[in-house]
Amino acid sequence: MSTDQTPRPARLTAAAAVSGLEGLALVAGGLYMLVQGLLGRPDSPSQAEMGGVTLIALGAIPLIAARGLLLRRSWSRGPAIITHLMALIPSWTLLRASGGLIPVGIALAAIAVTGLVLLVSQTTTNALGIRAPTRDA
């Protein structure tokens, strides 16, 4: 538990929620792929199973980061930022696709950018106890 008794800023809570949302989406996608690999009829069952396990493992990173953000652990900001930056890659690919994938790309990009903005805000940085580097005169 954090020793800081001041209330958690709303931006920090929102940043944790966005990171948790990304983590849950990755875990859900991984579970879907894993189940399809085990019970469905994919072109390559072993590839679907390995992809599912990989997505579940990757989903753990933002989930752990989200918990760290809620507990005001300064280390949690790094993994959360990396996760949001990595989400921009598939969002760009989806935005360049056609049809129904474009709205998915827009939503993913909006979530990633929102998470980044929340994580680099001064309020969040202060709440996590991260200080800006000082400049020597």
N, C-alpha and C. Protein backbone atom coordinates (compact mmCIF):
# COMPACT_ATOMS: atom_id res chain seq x y z
N MET A 1 0.84 -1.19 0.00
CA MET A 1 0.00 0.00 0.00
C MET A 1 0.88 1.24 0.00
N SER A 2 0.46 2.25 -0.71
CA SER A 2 1.22 3.48 -0.80
C SER A 2 1.20 4.22 0.53
N THR A 3 2.32 4.84 0.84
CA THR A 3 2.39 5.61 2.08
C THR A 3 1.80 7.00 1.89
N ASP A 4 1.57 7.41 0.66
CA ASP A 4 1.00 8.72 0.36
C ASP A 4 -0.49 8.68 0.68
N GLN A 5 -0.93 9.57 1.56
CA GLN A 5 -2.34 9.58 1.99
C GLN A 5 -3.22 10.50 1.15
N THR A 6 -2.63 11.25 0.20
CA THR A 6 -3.44 12.13 -0.64
C THR A 6 -4.25 11.28 -1.61
N PRO A 7 -5.41 11.77 -2.00
CA PRO A 7 -6.24 10.99 -2.93
C PRO A 7 -5.52 10.79 -4.27
N ARG A 8 -5.78 9.65 -4.89
CA ARG A 8 -5.20 9.35 -6.19
C ARG A 8 -5.84 10.27 -7.22
N PRO A 9 -5.03 10.97 -8.02
CA PRO A 9 -5.60 11.85 -9.05
C PRO A 9 -6.42 11.07 -10.08
N ALA A 10 -7.43 11.72 -10.59
CA ALA A 10 -8.31 11.07 -11.58
C ALA A 10 -7.54 10.67 -12.82
N ARG A 11 -6.55 11.46 -13.21
CA ARG A 11 -5.76 11.11 -14.40
C ARG A 11 -4.98 9.83 -14.20
N LEU A 12 -4.48 9.62 -13.01
CA LEU A 12 -3.74 8.39 -12.72
C LEU A 12 -4.69 7.20 -12.74
N THR A 13 -5.86 7.37 -12.16
CA THR A 13 -6.87 6.30 -12.19
C THR A 13 -7.29 6.00 -13.63
N ALA A 14 -7.48 7.05 -14.43
CA ALA A 14 -7.86 6.85 -15.84
C ALA A 14 -6.74 6.15 -16.61
N ALA A 15 -5.49 6.52 -16.34
CA ALA A 15 -4.35 5.88 -17.00
C ALA A 15 -4.31 4.39 -16.65
N ALA A 16 -4.57 4.07 -15.40
CA ALA A 16 -4.61 2.67 -14.97
C ALA A 16 -5.76 1.93 -15.67
N ALA A 17 -6.90 2.60 -15.80
CA ALA A 17 -8.05 1.98 -16.46
C ALA A 17 -7.76 1.70 -17.93
N VAL A 18 -7.13 2.64 -18.62
CA VAL A 18 -6.81 2.45 -20.03
C VAL A 18 -5.80 1.32 -20.20
N SER A 19 -4.80 1.27 -19.34
CA SER A 19 -3.81 0.18 -19.40
C SER A 19 -4.48 -1.16 -19.11
N GLY A 20 -5.35 -1.18 -18.13
CA GLY A 20 -6.08 -2.41 -17.82
C GLY A 20 -6.96 -2.85 -18.97
N LEU A 21 -7.60 -1.89 -19.64
CA LEU A 21 -8.44 -2.20 -20.80
C LEU A 21 -7.61 -2.85 -21.90
N GLU A 22 -6.44 -2.31 -22.17
CA GLU A 22 -5.57 -2.90 -23.19
C GLU A 22 -5.15 -4.32 -22.79
N GLY A 23 -4.82 -4.48 -21.52
CA GLY A 23 -4.42 -5.80 -21.04
C GLY A 23 -5.54 -6.81 -21.16
N LEU A 24 -6.74 -6.41 -20.77
CA LEU A 24 -7.89 -7.32 -20.88
C LEU A 24 -8.19 -7.68 -22.33
N ALA A 25 -8.05 -6.71 -23.23
CA ALA A 25 -8.28 -6.97 -24.65
C ALA A 25 -7.26 -7.98 -25.18
N LEU A 26 -6.00 -7.83 -24.77
CA LEU A 26 -4.98 -8.78 -25.21
C LEU A 26 -5.25 -10.19 -24.67
N VAL A 27 -5.61 -10.27 -23.39
CA VAL A 27 -5.91 -11.58 -22.79
C VAL A 27 -7.13 -12.20 -23.46
N ALA A 28 -8.16 -11.41 -23.72
CA ALA A 28 -9.36 -11.94 -24.38
C ALA A 28 -9.03 -12.44 -25.78
N GLY A 29 -8.26 -11.67 -26.53
CA GLY A 29 -7.84 -12.11 -27.86
C GLY A 29 -7.01 -13.38 -27.80
N GLY A 30 -6.13 -13.45 -26.81
CA GLY A 30 -5.31 -14.64 -26.64
C GLY A 30 -6.13 -15.86 -26.29
N LEU A 31 -7.10 -15.70 -25.39
CA LEU A 31 -7.97 -16.82 -25.04
C LEU A 31 -8.78 -17.29 -26.25
N TYR A 32 -9.26 -16.34 -27.03
CA TYR A 32 -10.02 -16.69 -28.24
C TYR A 32 -9.14 -17.51 -29.19
N MET A 33 -7.91 -17.03 -29.43
CA MET A 33 -7.01 -17.75 -30.33
C MET A 33 -6.67 -19.14 -29.79
N LEU A 34 -6.45 -19.21 -28.48
CA LEU A 34 -6.11 -20.49 -27.86
C LEU A 34 -7.25 -21.49 -27.99
N VAL A 35 -8.46 -21.04 -27.70
CA VAL A 35 -9.63 -21.92 -27.81
C VAL A 35 -9.83 -22.33 -29.26
N GLN A 36 -9.67 -21.41 -30.19
CA GLN A 36 -9.81 -21.76 -31.61
C GLN A 36 -8.75 -22.77 -32.03
N GLY A 37 -7.54 -22.61 -31.49
CA GLY A 37 -6.49 -23.56 -31.82
C GLY A 37 -6.76 -24.94 -31.26
N LEU A 38 -7.36 -24.99 -30.08
CA LEU A 38 -7.64 -26.28 -29.44
C LEU A 38 -8.92 -26.93 -29.93
N LEU A 39 -9.97 -26.14 -30.12
CA LEU A 39 -11.28 -26.70 -30.43
C LEU A 39 -11.77 -26.40 -31.84
N GLY A 40 -11.25 -25.34 -32.43
CA GLY A 40 -11.71 -24.94 -33.75
C GLY A 40 -10.97 -25.66 -34.85
N ARG A 41 -11.07 -25.12 -36.03
CA ARG A 41 -10.39 -25.70 -37.18
C ARG A 41 -9.56 -24.63 -37.89
N PRO A 42 -8.55 -24.08 -37.20
CA PRO A 42 -7.71 -23.08 -37.87
C PRO A 42 -6.79 -23.76 -38.89
N ASP A 43 -6.22 -22.95 -39.79
CA ASP A 43 -5.29 -23.48 -40.78
C ASP A 43 -4.09 -24.13 -40.10
N SER A 44 -3.63 -23.52 -39.02
CA SER A 44 -2.48 -24.06 -38.29
C SER A 44 -2.80 -24.05 -36.79
N PRO A 45 -3.26 -25.16 -36.25
CA PRO A 45 -3.62 -25.19 -34.83
C PRO A 45 -2.47 -24.81 -33.91
N SER A 46 -1.27 -25.29 -34.20
CA SER A 46 -0.14 -24.98 -33.31
C SER A 46 0.19 -23.49 -33.35
N GLN A 47 0.05 -22.86 -34.51
CA GLN A 47 0.30 -21.42 -34.61
C GLN A 47 -0.78 -20.64 -33.85
N ALA A 48 -2.02 -21.06 -33.93
CA ALA A 48 -3.10 -20.40 -33.20
C ALA A 48 -2.90 -20.55 -31.70
N GLU A 49 -2.49 -21.73 -31.27
CA GLU A 49 -2.27 -21.96 -29.84
C GLU A 49 -1.10 -21.13 -29.32
N MET A 50 0.00 -21.11 -30.06
CA MET A 50 1.16 -20.33 -29.64
C MET A 50 0.84 -18.83 -29.66
N GLY A 51 0.11 -18.40 -30.67
CA GLY A 51 -0.30 -16.99 -30.73
C GLY A 51 -1.18 -16.62 -29.55
N GLY A 52 -2.07 -17.53 -29.18
CA GLY A 52 -2.95 -17.29 -28.03
C GLY A 52 -2.16 -17.18 -26.73
N VAL A 53 -1.24 -18.09 -26.53
CA VAL A 53 -0.41 -18.06 -25.32
C VAL A 53 0.43 -16.78 -25.28
N THR A 54 0.95 -16.39 -26.44
CA THR A 54 1.76 -15.16 -26.52
C THR A 54 0.93 -13.93 -26.16
N LEU A 55 -0.28 -13.85 -26.72
CA LEU A 55 -1.14 -12.69 -26.41
C LEU A 55 -1.52 -12.65 -24.93
N ILE A 56 -1.77 -13.81 -24.35
CA ILE A 56 -2.10 -13.85 -22.92
C ILE A 56 -0.92 -13.35 -22.10
N ALA A 57 0.28 -13.80 -22.45
CA ALA A 57 1.48 -13.35 -21.73
C ALA A 57 1.70 -11.85 -21.91
N LEU A 58 1.50 -11.36 -23.13
CA LEU A 58 1.65 -9.93 -23.38
C LEU A 58 0.57 -9.11 -22.66
N GLY A 59 -0.61 -9.68 -22.51
CA GLY A 59 -1.68 -9.00 -21.79
C GLY A 59 -1.38 -8.83 -20.31
N ALA A 60 -0.54 -9.69 -19.78
CA ALA A 60 -0.18 -9.57 -18.36
C ALA A 60 0.61 -8.30 -18.09
N ILE A 61 1.38 -7.84 -19.07
CA ILE A 61 2.22 -6.65 -18.85
C ILE A 61 1.38 -5.41 -18.54
N PRO A 62 0.42 -5.03 -19.39
CA PRO A 62 -0.37 -3.85 -19.04
C PRO A 62 -1.27 -4.05 -17.82
N LEU A 63 -1.67 -5.30 -17.56
CA LEU A 63 -2.48 -5.54 -16.36
C LEU A 63 -1.64 -5.32 -15.10
N ILE A 64 -0.42 -5.79 -15.10
CA ILE A 64 0.47 -5.56 -13.95
C ILE A 64 0.80 -4.08 -13.83
N ALA A 65 1.01 -3.43 -14.98
CA ALA A 65 1.28 -1.99 -14.96
C ALA A 65 0.08 -1.21 -14.42
N ALA A 66 -1.12 -1.62 -14.80
CA ALA A 66 -2.33 -0.94 -14.32
C ALA A 66 -2.44 -1.05 -12.81
N ARG A 67 -2.15 -2.22 -12.29
CA ARG A 67 -2.18 -2.40 -10.82
C ARG A 67 -1.12 -1.52 -10.16
N GLY A 68 0.06 -1.48 -10.77
CA GLY A 68 1.12 -0.62 -10.24
C GLY A 68 0.73 0.85 -10.26
N LEU A 69 0.05 1.28 -11.31
CA LEU A 69 -0.40 2.67 -11.39
C LEU A 69 -1.41 2.96 -10.28
N LEU A 70 -2.33 2.03 -10.05
CA LEU A 70 -3.31 2.23 -8.99
C LEU A 70 -2.64 2.31 -7.61
N LEU A 71 -1.54 1.58 -7.46
CA LEU A 71 -0.81 1.60 -6.18
C LEU A 71 0.27 2.67 -6.14
N ARG A 72 0.32 3.49 -7.19
CA ARG A 72 1.28 4.60 -7.30
C ARG A 72 2.73 4.13 -7.30
N ARG A 73 3.01 3.09 -8.02
CA ARG A 73 4.38 2.60 -8.17
C ARG A 73 4.99 3.25 -9.40
N SER A 74 6.09 3.96 -9.21
CA SER A 74 6.68 4.70 -10.32
C SER A 74 7.16 3.79 -11.45
N TRP A 75 7.58 2.56 -11.14
CA TRP A 75 8.07 1.64 -12.16
C TRP A 75 6.98 1.29 -13.18
N SER A 76 5.73 1.41 -12.80
CA SER A 76 4.63 0.95 -13.65
C SER A 76 4.39 1.85 -14.86
N ARG A 77 4.89 3.06 -14.82
CA ARG A 77 4.66 3.97 -15.94
C ARG A 77 5.39 3.50 -17.20
N GLY A 78 6.60 2.98 -17.06
CA GLY A 78 7.38 2.53 -18.21
C GLY A 78 6.69 1.43 -19.00
N PRO A 79 6.30 0.32 -18.36
CA PRO A 79 5.61 -0.73 -19.12
C PRO A 79 4.29 -0.25 -19.73
N ALA A 80 3.60 0.64 -19.03
CA ALA A 80 2.33 1.15 -19.56
C ALA A 80 2.59 1.99 -20.81
N ILE A 81 3.61 2.84 -20.78
CA ILE A 81 3.94 3.67 -21.95
C ILE A 81 4.34 2.78 -23.12
N ILE A 82 5.17 1.78 -22.86
CA ILE A 82 5.61 0.89 -23.93
C ILE A 82 4.42 0.16 -24.55
N THR A 83 3.49 -0.28 -23.72
CA THR A 83 2.30 -0.97 -24.23
C THR A 83 1.49 -0.06 -25.14
N HIS A 84 1.30 1.20 -24.73
CA HIS A 84 0.53 2.13 -25.55
C HIS A 84 1.25 2.44 -26.86
N LEU A 85 2.57 2.58 -26.80
CA LEU A 85 3.32 2.82 -28.03
C LEU A 85 3.22 1.63 -28.97
N MET A 86 3.31 0.43 -28.41
CA MET A 86 3.21 -0.77 -29.24
C MET A 86 1.82 -0.91 -29.86
N ALA A 87 0.79 -0.40 -29.19
CA ALA A 87 -0.57 -0.49 -29.73
C ALA A 87 -0.74 0.40 -30.96
N LEU A 88 0.12 1.39 -31.11
CA LEU A 88 0.02 2.26 -32.29
C LEU A 88 0.38 1.52 -33.58
N ILE A 89 1.20 0.48 -33.48
CA ILE A 89 1.62 -0.26 -34.68
C ILE A 89 0.43 -0.99 -35.32
N PRO A 90 -0.29 -1.84 -34.57
CA PRO A 90 -1.45 -2.48 -35.22
C PRO A 90 -2.55 -1.48 -35.57
N SER A 91 -2.67 -0.40 -34.82
CA SER A 91 -3.71 0.58 -35.16
C SER A 91 -3.40 1.22 -36.52
N TRP A 92 -2.13 1.49 -36.79
CA TRP A 92 -1.74 2.06 -38.10
C TRP A 92 -2.07 1.06 -39.21
N THR A 93 -1.76 -0.20 -38.98
CA THR A 93 -2.07 -1.23 -39.97
C THR A 93 -3.57 -1.32 -40.22
N LEU A 94 -4.36 -1.26 -39.15
CA LEU A 94 -5.82 -1.32 -39.30
C LEU A 94 -6.36 -0.08 -40.00
N LEU A 95 -5.76 1.08 -39.75
CA LEU A 95 -6.20 2.31 -40.40
C LEU A 95 -5.94 2.28 -41.90
N ARG A 96 -4.94 1.54 -42.32
CA ARG A 96 -4.61 1.44 -43.74
C ARG A 96 -5.39 0.33 -44.44
N ALA A 97 -6.15 -0.44 -43.67
CA ALA A 97 -6.97 -1.52 -44.24
C ALA A 97 -8.23 -0.92 -44.86
N SER A 98 -9.14 -1.77 -45.21
CA SER A 98 -10.39 -1.28 -45.79
C SER A 98 -11.58 -1.84 -45.02
N GLY A 99 -12.69 -1.20 -45.20
CA GLY A 99 -13.94 -1.70 -44.61
C GLY A 99 -14.03 -1.53 -43.11
N GLY A 100 -14.49 -2.61 -42.46
CA GLY A 100 -14.80 -2.57 -41.04
C GLY A 100 -13.59 -2.50 -40.12
N LEU A 101 -12.39 -2.68 -40.65
CA LEU A 101 -11.21 -2.63 -39.80
C LEU A 101 -10.78 -1.20 -39.48
N ILE A 102 -11.18 -0.25 -40.30
CA ILE A 102 -10.78 1.15 -40.06
C ILE A 102 -11.32 1.67 -38.73
N PRO A 103 -12.61 1.47 -38.39
CA PRO A 103 -13.08 1.92 -37.08
C PRO A 103 -12.34 1.25 -35.91
N VAL A 104 -11.95 -0.01 -36.09
CA VAL A 104 -11.19 -0.69 -35.05
C VAL A 104 -9.83 -0.02 -34.88
N GLY A 105 -9.21 0.34 -35.99
CA GLY A 105 -7.93 1.06 -35.94
C GLY A 105 -8.06 2.42 -35.29
N ILE A 106 -9.15 3.11 -35.57
CA ILE A 106 -9.38 4.42 -34.95
C ILE A 106 -9.55 4.27 -33.44
N ALA A 107 -10.34 3.28 -33.04
CA ALA A 107 -10.57 3.06 -31.60
C ALA A 107 -9.26 2.69 -30.89
N LEU A 108 -8.48 1.80 -31.49
CA LEU A 108 -7.22 1.39 -30.89
C LEU A 108 -6.25 2.56 -30.79
N ALA A 109 -6.16 3.36 -31.84
CA ALA A 109 -5.28 4.53 -31.81
C ALA A 109 -5.74 5.53 -30.75
N ALA A 110 -7.05 5.74 -30.65
CA ALA A 110 -7.57 6.68 -29.66
C ALA A 110 -7.26 6.22 -28.24
N ILE A 111 -7.40 4.92 -27.99
CA ILE A 111 -7.09 4.38 -26.66
C ILE A 111 -5.61 4.54 -26.36
N ALA A 112 -4.77 4.21 -27.33
CA ALA A 112 -3.32 4.29 -27.12
C ALA A 112 -2.88 5.74 -26.87
N VAL A 113 -3.36 6.67 -27.67
CA VAL A 113 -2.98 8.08 -27.51
C VAL A 113 -3.52 8.63 -26.19
N THR A 114 -4.74 8.26 -25.84
CA THR A 114 -5.30 8.69 -24.56
C THR A 114 -4.44 8.20 -23.41
N GLY A 115 -4.05 6.93 -23.45
CA GLY A 115 -3.20 6.38 -22.41
C GLY A 115 -1.87 7.11 -22.32
N LEU A 116 -1.27 7.40 -23.46
CA LEU A 116 0.00 8.12 -23.47
C LEU A 116 -0.13 9.51 -22.88
N VAL A 117 -1.18 10.22 -23.28
CA VAL A 117 -1.39 11.58 -22.76
C VAL A 117 -1.58 11.54 -21.24
N LEU A 118 -2.36 10.59 -20.77
CA LEU A 118 -2.58 10.48 -19.32
C LEU A 118 -1.29 10.14 -18.57
N LEU A 119 -0.46 9.30 -19.15
CA LEU A 119 0.75 8.86 -18.47
C LEU A 119 1.85 9.91 -18.43
N VAL A 120 1.88 10.79 -19.42
CA VAL A 120 2.93 11.81 -19.43
C VAL A 120 2.47 13.13 -18.81
N SER A 121 1.23 13.19 -18.36
CA SER A 121 0.75 14.43 -17.76
C SER A 121 1.49 14.71 -16.46
N GLN A 122 1.61 15.96 -16.16
CA GLN A 122 2.32 16.38 -14.94
C GLN A 122 1.64 15.84 -13.69
N THR A 123 0.33 15.80 -13.70
CA THR A 123 -0.42 15.28 -12.55
C THR A 123 -0.04 13.82 -12.27
N THR A 124 -0.01 13.02 -13.31
CA THR A 124 0.35 11.60 -13.15
C THR A 124 1.80 11.46 -12.71
N THR A 125 2.67 12.22 -13.35
CA THR A 125 4.09 12.16 -13.01
C THR A 125 4.31 12.51 -11.54
N ASN A 126 3.67 13.56 -11.09
CA ASN A 126 3.80 13.97 -9.68
C ASN A 126 3.23 12.92 -8.74
N ALA A 127 2.08 12.35 -9.10
CA ALA A 127 1.44 11.35 -8.23
C ALA A 127 2.29 10.09 -8.08
N LEU A 128 3.08 9.80 -9.13
CA LEU A 128 3.96 8.63 -9.08
C LEU A 128 5.31 8.95 -8.45
N GLY A 129 5.53 10.22 -8.12
CA GLY A 129 6.79 10.60 -7.48
C GLY A 129 7.95 10.67 -8.46
N ILE A 130 7.65 10.85 -9.73
CA ILE A 130 8.70 10.96 -10.75
C ILE A 130 9.02 12.44 -10.91
N ARG A 131 10.28 12.75 -10.74
CA ARG A 131 10.70 14.15 -10.86
C ARG A 131 11.32 14.39 -12.21
N ALA A 132 11.09 15.58 -12.72
CA ALA A 132 11.74 15.97 -13.97
C ALA A 132 13.22 16.21 -13.70
N PRO A 133 14.08 15.89 -14.65
CA PRO A 133 15.50 16.15 -14.43
C PRO A 133 15.75 17.64 -14.25
N THR A 134 16.63 17.96 -13.35
CA THR A 134 16.96 19.37 -13.12
C THR A 134 18.06 19.79 -14.06
N ARG A 135 18.00 21.03 -14.45
CA ARG A 135 19.02 21.59 -15.35
C ARG A 135 19.99 22.43 -14.53
N ASP A 136 21.24 22.19 -14.75
CA ASP A 136 22.26 23.00 -14.08
C ASP A 136 22.44 24.29 -14.87
N ALA A 137 22.61 25.37 -14.13
CA ALA A 137 22.74 26.68 -14.79
C ALA A 137 24.10 26.87 -15.37
